Protein backbone atom coordinates (compact mmCIF):
# COMPACT_ATOMS: atom_id res chain seq x y z
CA MET A 1 89.64 118.99 56.06
CA HIS A 2 86.55 116.97 55.26
CA PRO A 3 83.17 118.69 55.14
CA GLU A 4 80.65 117.69 57.77
CA LEU A 5 78.84 114.48 56.88
CA ASN A 6 75.28 113.88 57.84
CA GLN A 7 73.17 110.74 57.98
CA THR A 8 71.75 111.26 54.50
CA GLU A 9 75.28 111.35 52.98
CA LEU A 10 76.24 107.94 54.35
CA ASP A 11 76.18 105.11 51.87
CA ASP A 12 75.35 101.54 52.86
CA ILE A 13 79.00 100.54 53.22
CA SER A 14 79.78 103.40 55.63
CA LYS A 15 76.70 102.44 57.63
CA GLN A 16 77.90 98.83 57.79
CA ILE A 17 81.32 99.99 58.98
CA ILE A 18 79.76 102.11 61.73
CA GLU A 19 77.53 99.25 62.87
CA GLN A 20 80.52 96.90 63.07
CA LEU A 21 82.48 99.41 65.15
CA GLN A 22 79.46 99.86 67.44
CA GLU A 23 79.56 96.10 68.08
CA ASP A 24 83.33 96.11 68.66
CA GLY A 25 85.36 99.32 68.51
CA ARG A 26 88.57 97.25 68.34
CA ARG A 27 87.54 95.32 65.23
CA SER A 28 90.43 95.32 62.75
CA TYR A 29 90.37 97.10 59.40
CA ALA A 30 90.98 93.69 57.78
CA ALA A 31 87.93 92.10 59.44
CA ILE A 32 85.72 95.05 58.51
CA ALA A 33 87.10 95.10 54.96
CA GLU A 34 86.34 91.42 54.48
CA SER A 35 82.80 91.90 55.75
CA VAL A 36 81.95 94.90 53.56
CA GLY A 37 83.92 93.90 50.46
CA LEU A 38 86.52 96.67 50.42
CA SER A 39 90.29 96.78 50.86
CA ASP A 40 91.86 97.49 54.25
CA ALA A 41 93.07 100.85 52.90
CA ALA A 42 89.59 101.83 51.72
CA VAL A 43 88.09 100.97 55.12
CA ARG A 44 90.86 102.90 56.90
CA GLN A 45 90.18 105.92 54.66
CA ARG A 46 86.40 105.78 55.28
CA ILE A 47 86.87 105.52 59.04
CA LYS A 48 89.28 108.47 59.00
CA ARG A 49 86.73 110.53 57.03
CA LEU A 50 83.96 109.59 59.51
CA ILE A 51 86.18 110.58 62.45
CA ASP A 52 87.37 113.83 60.80
CA SER A 53 83.76 114.81 60.09
CA LYS A 54 82.91 114.17 63.79
CA LEU A 55 80.23 111.68 62.81
CA LEU A 56 82.20 108.87 64.49
CA GLU A 57 84.30 108.79 67.64
CA ILE A 58 86.03 105.68 68.92
CA VAL A 59 86.65 105.76 72.67
CA ALA A 60 87.25 103.43 75.59
CA VAL A 61 84.20 103.29 77.85
CA THR A 62 85.07 102.69 81.49
CA ASP A 63 83.17 101.97 84.68
CA PRO A 64 83.59 105.11 86.83
CA LEU A 65 82.97 103.14 90.06
CA ARG A 66 85.92 100.85 89.37
CA LEU A 67 88.12 103.91 88.74
CA GLY A 68 87.34 105.51 92.11
CA PHE A 69 84.45 107.78 91.14
CA THR A 70 81.76 106.70 93.59
CA ARG A 71 79.14 109.33 92.83
CA GLN A 72 77.34 109.75 89.51
CA ALA A 73 74.33 111.97 89.06
CA MET A 74 72.10 113.69 86.54
CA ILE A 75 71.48 117.33 87.40
CA GLY A 76 68.46 119.21 86.10
CA VAL A 77 69.32 122.89 85.66
CA LYS A 78 66.89 125.80 85.32
CA VAL A 79 68.35 128.82 83.56
CA GLN A 80 67.31 132.44 83.19
CA GLY A 81 68.41 133.64 79.78
CA ARG A 82 70.45 131.77 77.18
CA MET A 83 70.69 128.05 77.91
CA GLU A 84 73.65 127.81 75.52
CA ALA A 85 75.72 130.20 77.64
CA VAL A 86 75.34 127.98 80.71
CA ALA A 87 76.00 124.84 78.66
CA GLU A 88 79.18 126.42 77.30
CA ALA A 89 80.32 127.34 80.82
CA LEU A 90 79.64 123.80 82.08
CA GLU A 91 81.73 122.31 79.25
CA SER A 92 84.86 123.37 81.12
CA PHE A 93 83.91 121.49 84.30
CA PRO A 94 85.95 118.26 84.29
CA GLU A 95 83.22 116.40 86.22
CA VAL A 96 80.65 117.00 83.47
CA SER A 97 80.38 114.12 81.00
CA TYR A 98 77.16 115.01 79.20
CA ILE A 99 75.08 118.13 78.61
CA VAL A 100 71.80 118.28 76.76
CA LEU A 101 69.48 121.25 76.21
CA THR A 102 65.91 120.18 76.85
CA ALA A 103 62.31 121.27 76.63
CA GLY A 104 60.29 120.77 79.77
CA GLN A 105 60.84 121.34 83.47
CA TYR A 106 64.62 121.74 83.12
CA ASP A 107 66.54 123.72 80.56
CA LEU A 108 69.60 121.48 80.78
CA LEU A 109 70.32 117.95 81.90
CA VAL A 110 73.91 117.55 83.02
CA GLU A 111 75.49 114.20 83.80
CA VAL A 112 78.39 114.31 86.25
CA VAL A 113 80.94 111.89 87.63
CA CYS A 114 82.45 112.75 91.05
CA GLU A 115 84.82 111.09 93.48
CA ASP A 116 82.37 111.23 96.40
CA ASP A 117 79.52 113.24 97.96
CA ASP A 118 81.84 116.08 99.07
CA HIS A 119 83.12 116.42 95.52
CA LEU A 120 79.53 116.52 94.23
CA LEU A 121 78.62 119.16 96.82
CA ARG A 122 81.53 121.39 95.72
CA LEU A 123 80.53 120.92 92.08
CA LEU A 124 76.92 121.92 92.79
CA GLY A 125 78.21 125.06 94.51
CA ARG A 126 80.28 125.98 91.44
CA MET A 127 77.31 125.33 89.16
CA ARG A 128 74.97 127.48 91.26
CA GLU A 129 77.50 130.35 91.17
CA LEU A 130 77.03 130.68 87.40
CA PRO A 131 75.16 133.99 86.94
CA THR A 132 72.07 132.75 85.08
CA VAL A 133 71.55 129.43 86.88
CA LEU A 134 68.26 129.72 88.78
CA SER A 135 68.20 126.27 90.39
CA THR A 136 69.43 122.72 90.19
CA GLU A 137 67.94 119.38 91.12
CA THR A 138 70.20 116.37 91.58
CA PHE A 139 69.21 112.83 90.67
CA MET A 140 71.71 110.45 92.27
CA TYR A 141 72.52 107.30 90.36
CA LEU A 142 72.02 104.19 92.47
CA LYS A 143 72.76 101.58 89.82
CA LEU A 144 73.31 101.62 86.08
CA HIS A 145 70.68 99.30 84.68
CA LYS A 146 71.29 99.67 80.94
CA GLN A 147 73.68 101.58 78.71
CA ARG A 148 74.23 100.79 75.08
CA TYR A 149 75.98 102.16 72.01
CA ASP A 150 74.81 99.74 69.33
CA TRP A 151 71.70 101.46 67.96
CA GLY A 152 72.96 101.10 64.40
CA THR A 153 72.28 103.50 61.54
CA ARG A 154 69.28 104.47 59.44
């Protein structure tokens, strides 16, 4: 098991590898190796270490609308008590794609993907049944204007 890596432990080559995978997650080890001046095996080993340390995850990003999920929303949640307890409970909801603890009007922002409005309504009911959830406010997505994953490294 590899110890957790953090940004300060990344050398320039690992940063270059990450940036190339942000541009194209399907880029071959050979193409990356040629670009950064390492062998295929060395690149493969670095990528495995980055994945094992949970610093890097390579996934397929899909368009929920084209897969039959017609309702996306961000839900602001106000909590009485430990925010982490509600966040942990929401992790098990399959509709939840993103949870962030925040400072400000809402304690949590929760992004959800649902099949339709009825599905969203049932989900909101389940969320509001959690013991320390005080209230929710739903922000329906009308159109995704920008989403990116290529912010690079520091």
